[in-house]
Amino acid sequence: MIRTVPALKENSVKDNNDMPGHLARRFQQIAVAVFLAEVGDAGFDLTPVQYAALATIKANPGLDQVTLAGLIAYDRTTITGVIDRLVQKDLIERRASPRDRRARELEITDEGRRALRKITPAVESAQRIMLRGLSAKEGEELMRLLRKAIAAGNELSRAPLRE
């Protein structure tokens, strides 16, 4: 038996490039590739998530892993791997919390501070490259619209941002 595919309605989505999810995934692919290239060219082996974690730990000394996951909108079950890699690279330390022995507090090391200082120009360059097809005004508008869409859908995420 031959199955027929229903005809597309005139107003239906006809192309992946008309789907915000597809475009968001493509932009994420580009963003990660650009980040890894710029950071790699600067001599660092750090992923965007590892960078976000390291910068957040620096800004919030002593925070625990669950709080870190919420602050960078990362899944609580997989944040441990990110932390493990940062510890292995001697960029952070994980210590037992004096308030709750089950919890681990995170602290940036001197090496982590040095790495953040040195990597910042590469990260800033990556951000500029990601927006290179846009004027400054268009880049600001894209950022505004992304923040608005993300705020509206935050609770739909498996790893919502927690402030």
C-alpha atoms as a PDB file:
ATOM      1  CA  MET A   1       0.000   0.000   0.000  1.00  0.00           C
ATOM      2  CA  ILE A   2       1.335   3.416  -0.937  1.00  0.00           C
ATOM      3  CA  ARG A   3       1.000   6.093   1.678  1.00  0.00           C
ATOM      4  CA  THR A   4       0.327   9.566   0.547  1.00  0.00           C
ATOM      5  CA  VAL A   5       1.859  12.521   2.250  1.00  0.00           C
ATOM      6  CA  PRO A   6      -0.718  15.165   3.081  1.00  0.00           C
ATOM      7  CA  ALA A   7      -0.259  18.343   1.123  1.00  0.00           C
ATOM      8  CA  LEU A   8       1.242  21.238   3.013  1.00  0.00           C
ATOM      9  CA  LYS A   9      -1.181  23.914   3.958  1.00  0.00           C
ATOM     10  CA  GLU A  10      -0.410  27.246   2.442  1.00  0.00           C
ATOM     11  CA  ASN A  11       0.561  28.822   5.798  1.00  0.00           C
ATOM     12  CA  SER A  12       2.486  25.826   7.189  1.00  0.00           C
ATOM     13  CA  VAL A  13       6.237  25.769   7.680  1.00  0.00           C
ATOM     14  CA  LYS A  14       7.870  24.555   4.483  1.00  0.00           C
ATOM     15  CA  ASP A  15      11.556  24.853   5.207  1.00  0.00           C
ATOM     16  CA  ASN A  16      13.874  24.280   8.169  1.00  0.00           C
ATOM     17  CA  ASN A  17      15.015  27.874   7.779  1.00  0.00           C
ATOM     18  CA  ASP A  18      11.512  28.938   8.797  1.00  0.00           C
ATOM     19  CA  MET A  19      11.773  27.040  12.107  1.00  0.00           C
ATOM     20  CA  PRO A  20      13.207  28.866  15.128  1.00  0.00           C
ATOM     21  CA  GLY A  21      14.371  25.577  16.683  1.00  0.00           C
ATOM     22  CA  HIS A  22      16.414  24.687  13.613  1.00  0.00           C
ATOM     23  CA  LEU A  23      17.940  28.158  13.435  1.00  0.00           C
ATOM     24  CA  ALA A  24      18.739  28.115  17.163  1.00  0.00           C
ATOM     25  CA  ARG A  25      20.486  24.739  16.758  1.00  0.00           C
ATOM     26  CA  ARG A  26      22.466  26.015  13.749  1.00  0.00           C
ATOM     27  CA  PHE A  27      23.516  29.163  15.604  1.00  0.00           C
ATOM     28  CA  GLN A  28      24.585  26.997  18.578  1.00  0.00           C
ATOM     29  CA  GLN A  29      26.717  24.872  16.234  1.00  0.00           C
ATOM     30  CA  ILE A  30      28.357  28.000  14.852  1.00  0.00           C
ATOM     31  CA  ALA A  31      28.809  29.525  18.317  1.00  0.00           C
ATOM     32  CA  VAL A  32      30.541  26.414  19.689  1.00  0.00           C
ATOM     33  CA  ALA A  33      32.776  26.044  16.625  1.00  0.00           C
ATOM     34  CA  VAL A  34      33.827  29.706  16.775  1.00  0.00           C
ATOM     35  CA  PHE A  35      34.399  29.571  20.543  1.00  0.00           C
ATOM     36  CA  LEU A  36      36.542  26.419  20.330  1.00  0.00           C
ATOM     37  CA  ALA A  37      38.573  27.821  17.424  1.00  0.00           C
ATOM     38  CA  GLU A  38      39.274  31.169  19.091  1.00  0.00           C
ATOM     39  CA  VAL A  39      40.035  29.661  22.488  1.00  0.00           C
ATOM     40  CA  GLY A  40      42.142  26.917  20.895  1.00  0.00           C
ATOM     41  CA  ASP A  41      44.128  29.470  18.880  1.00  0.00           C
ATOM     42  CA  ALA A  42      44.838  31.252  22.175  1.00  0.00           C
ATOM     43  CA  GLY A  43      46.301  28.001  23.550  1.00  0.00           C
ATOM     44  CA  PHE A  44      43.423  26.875  25.757  1.00  0.00           C
ATOM     45  CA  ASP A  45      41.446  23.640  25.886  1.00  0.00           C
ATOM     46  CA  LEU A  46      38.176  24.862  27.376  1.00  0.00           C
ATOM     47  CA  THR A  47      34.582  24.354  26.209  1.00  0.00           C
ATOM     48  CA  PRO A  48      31.919  27.071  26.388  1.00  0.00           C
ATOM     49  CA  VAL A  49      30.276  25.301  29.357  1.00  0.00           C
ATOM     50  CA  GLN A  50      33.608  24.941  31.173  1.00  0.00           C
ATOM     51  CA  TYR A  51      34.278  28.638  30.599  1.00  0.00           C
ATOM     52  CA  ALA A  52      30.820  29.592  31.899  1.00  0.00           C
ATOM     53  CA  ALA A  53      31.350  27.415  34.972  1.00  0.00           C
ATOM     54  CA  LEU A  54      34.811  28.831  35.657  1.00  0.00           C
ATOM     55  CA  ALA A  55      33.679  32.452  35.307  1.00  0.00           C
ATOM     56  CA  THR A  56      30.654  31.792  37.537  1.00  0.00           C
ATOM     57  CA  ILE A  57      32.765  30.100  40.216  1.00  0.00           C
ATOM     58  CA  LYS A  58      35.125  33.080  40.199  1.00  0.00           C
ATOM     59  CA  ALA A  59      32.181  35.456  40.657  1.00  0.00           C
ATOM     60  CA  ASN A  60      30.585  33.273  43.394  1.00  0.00           C
ATOM     61  CA  PRO A  61      33.345  31.735  45.524  1.00  0.00           C
ATOM     62  CA  GLY A  62      32.228  28.764  47.594  1.00  0.00           C
ATOM     63  CA  LEU A  63      29.064  27.994  45.664  1.00  0.00           C
ATOM     64  CA  ASP A  64      27.942  24.372  45.445  1.00  0.00           C
ATOM     65  CA  GLN A  65      27.544  22.280  42.284  1.00  0.00           C
ATOM     66  CA  VAL A  66      23.727  22.401  42.260  1.00  0.00           C
ATOM     67  CA  THR A  67      23.736  26.196  42.508  1.00  0.00           C
ATOM     68  CA  LEU A  68      26.369  26.406  39.775  1.00  0.00           C
ATOM     69  CA  ALA A  69      24.203  24.246  37.497  1.00  0.00           C
ATOM     70  CA  GLY A  70      21.261  26.614  38.049  1.00  0.00           C
ATOM     71  CA  LEU A  71      23.328  29.740  37.461  1.00  0.00           C
ATOM     72  CA  ILE A  72      24.634  28.544  34.088  1.00  0.00           C
ATOM     73  CA  ALA A  73      21.416  26.689  33.110  1.00  0.00           C
ATOM     74  CA  TYR A  74      23.152  23.317  32.929  1.00  0.00           C
ATOM     75  CA  ASP A  75      21.721  19.930  33.792  1.00  0.00           C
ATOM     76  CA  ARG A  76      22.347  19.025  37.445  1.00  0.00           C
ATOM     77  CA  THR A  77      23.157  15.411  36.622  1.00  0.00           C
ATOM     78  CA  THR A  78      25.925  16.258  34.146  1.00  0.00           C
ATOM     79  CA  ILE A  79      27.518  19.254  35.892  1.00  0.00           C
ATOM     80  CA  THR A  80      29.757  16.824  37.804  1.00  0.00           C
ATOM     81  CA  GLY A  81      31.647  15.976  34.599  1.00  0.00           C
ATOM     82  CA  VAL A  82      32.250  19.663  33.898  1.00  0.00           C
ATOM     83  CA  ILE A  83      33.521  20.157  37.454  1.00  0.00           C
ATOM     84  CA  ASP A  84      35.727  17.044  37.223  1.00  0.00           C
ATOM     85  CA  ARG A  85      37.433  18.384  34.092  1.00  0.00           C
ATOM     86  CA  LEU A  86      38.032  21.812  35.658  1.00  0.00           C
ATOM     87  CA  VAL A  87      39.533  20.129  38.731  1.00  0.00           C
ATOM     88  CA  GLN A  88      41.742  17.933  36.508  1.00  0.00           C
ATOM     89  CA  LYS A  89      42.979  21.074  34.742  1.00  0.00           C
ATOM     90  CA  ASP A  90      43.783  22.631  38.159  1.00  0.00           C
ATOM     91  CA  LEU A  91      41.436  25.546  37.438  1.00  0.00           C
ATOM     92  CA  ILE A  92      39.149  24.965  40.436  1.00  0.00           C
ATOM     93  CA  GLU A  93      39.113  23.082  43.729  1.00  0.00           C
ATOM     94  CA  ARG A  94      36.215  21.119  45.175  1.00  0.00           C
ATOM     95  CA  ARG A  95      35.978  21.019  48.983  1.00  0.00           C
ATOM     96  CA  ALA A  96      33.555  19.551  51.476  1.00  0.00           C
ATOM     97  CA  SER A  97      31.204  22.222  52.774  1.00  0.00           C
ATOM     98  CA  PRO A  98      31.657  23.064  56.459  1.00  0.00           C
ATOM     99  CA  ARG A  99      27.867  23.653  56.633  1.00  0.00           C
ATOM    100  CA  ASP A 100      26.745  20.466  54.864  1.00  0.00           C
ATOM    101  CA  ARG A 101      29.180  17.561  54.595  1.00  0.00           C
ATOM    102  CA  ARG A 102      27.227  16.111  51.644  1.00  0.00           C
ATOM    103  CA  ALA A 103      27.713  19.284  49.596  1.00  0.00           C
ATOM    104  CA  ARG A 104      30.851  20.335  47.740  1.00  0.00           C
ATOM    105  CA  GLU A 105      31.935  23.964  47.564  1.00  0.00           C
ATOM    106  CA  LEU A 106      33.815  25.205  44.525  1.00  0.00           C
ATOM    107  CA  GLU A 107      36.715  27.660  44.549  1.00  0.00           C
ATOM    108  CA  ILE A 108      38.760  28.995  41.661  1.00  0.00           C
ATOM    109  CA  THR A 109      42.514  28.374  41.882  1.00  0.00           C
ATOM    110  CA  ASP A 110      45.270  30.853  41.083  1.00  0.00           C
ATOM    111  CA  GLU A 111      45.748  28.948  37.810  1.00  0.00           C
ATOM    112  CA  GLY A 112      42.024  29.360  37.103  1.00  0.00           C
ATOM    113  CA  ARG A 113      42.257  33.130  37.666  1.00  0.00           C
ATOM    114  CA  ARG A 114      45.258  33.345  35.331  1.00  0.00           C
ATOM    115  CA  ALA A 115      43.456  31.286  32.683  1.00  0.00           C
ATOM    116  CA  LEU A 116      40.375  33.536  32.839  1.00  0.00           C
ATOM    117  CA  ARG A 117      42.522  36.652  32.427  1.00  0.00           C
ATOM    118  CA  LYS A 118      44.379  35.180  29.453  1.00  0.00           C
ATOM    119  CA  ILE A 119      41.347  33.624  27.747  1.00  0.00           C
ATOM    120  CA  THR A 120      39.091  36.701  27.949  1.00  0.00           C
ATOM    121  CA  PRO A 121      40.333  38.331  24.710  1.00  0.00           C
ATOM    122  CA  ALA A 122      39.688  35.079  22.796  1.00  0.00           C
ATOM    123  CA  VAL A 123      36.187  34.756  24.270  1.00  0.00           C
ATOM    124  CA  GLU A 124      35.399  38.371  23.395  1.00  0.00           C
ATOM    125  CA  SER A 125      36.709  37.813  19.869  1.00  0.00           C
ATOM    126  CA  ALA A 126      34.480  34.745  19.510  1.00  0.00           C
ATOM    127  CA  GLN A 127      31.426  36.808  20.475  1.00  0.00           C
ATOM    128  CA  ARG A 128      32.251  39.394  17.808  1.00  0.00           C
ATOM    129  CA  ILE A 129      32.790  36.726  15.149  1.00  0.00           C
ATOM    130  CA  MET A 130      29.435  35.106  15.962  1.00  0.00           C
ATOM    131  CA  LEU A 131      27.699  38.389  15.155  1.00  0.00           C
ATOM    132  CA  ARG A 132      29.915  39.455  12.258  1.00  0.00           C
ATOM    133  CA  GLY A 133      27.114  39.495   9.692  1.00  0.00           C
ATOM    134  CA  LEU A 134      25.150  42.029  11.737  1.00  0.00           C
ATOM    135  CA  SER A 135      25.554  45.730  12.333  1.00  0.00           C
ATOM    136  CA  ALA A 136      26.101  46.817  15.932  1.00  0.00           C
ATOM    137  CA  LYS A 137      22.435  47.814  16.163  1.00  0.00           C
ATOM    138  CA  GLU A 138      21.295  44.479  14.703  1.00  0.00           C
ATOM    139  CA  GLY A 139      23.566  42.607  17.122  1.00  0.00           C
ATOM    140  CA  GLU A 140      22.012  44.453  20.055  1.00  0.00           C
ATOM    141  CA  GLU A 141      18.528  43.687  18.720  1.00  0.00           C
ATOM    142  CA  LEU A 142      19.366  39.996  18.276  1.00  0.00           C
ATOM    143  CA  MET A 143      20.649  39.849  21.858  1.00  0.00           C
ATOM    144  CA  ARG A 144      17.509  41.585  23.128  1.00  0.00           C
ATOM    145  CA  LEU A 145      15.247  39.188  21.260  1.00  0.00           C
ATOM    146  CA  LEU A 146      17.228  36.120  22.357  1.00  0.00           C
ATOM    147  CA  ARG A 147      17.006  37.222  26.002  1.00  0.00           C
ATOM    148  CA  LYS A 148      13.256  37.795  25.611  1.00  0.00           C
ATOM    149  CA  ALA A 149      12.614  34.404  23.973  1.00  0.00           C
ATOM    150  CA  ILE A 150      14.801  32.596  26.505  1.00  0.00           C
ATOM    151  CA  ALA A 151      13.097  34.296  29.453  1.00  0.00           C
ATOM    152  CA  ALA A 152       9.679  33.334  28.066  1.00  0.00           C
ATOM    153  CA  GLY A 153      10.714  29.687  27.636  1.00  0.00           C
ATOM    154  CA  ASN A 154      13.095  29.283  30.578  1.00  0.00           C
ATOM    155  CA  GLU A 155      10.795  26.991  32.574  1.00  0.00           C
ATOM    156  CA  LEU A 156      10.346  24.703  29.557  1.00  0.00           C
ATOM    157  CA  SER A 157      14.044  23.808  29.615  1.00  0.00           C
ATOM    158  CA  ARG A 158      15.418  20.618  31.184  1.00  0.00           C
ATOM    159  CA  ALA A 159      17.928  22.929  32.869  1.00  0.00           C
ATOM    160  CA  PRO A 160      16.241  26.286  33.544  1.00  0.00           C
ATOM    161  CA  LEU A 161      18.330  29.252  34.547  1.00  0.00           C
ATOM    162  CA  ARG A 162      18.102  29.871  38.298  1.00  0.00           C
ATOM    163  CA  GLU A 163      19.224  33.211  39.654  1.00  0.00           C
END
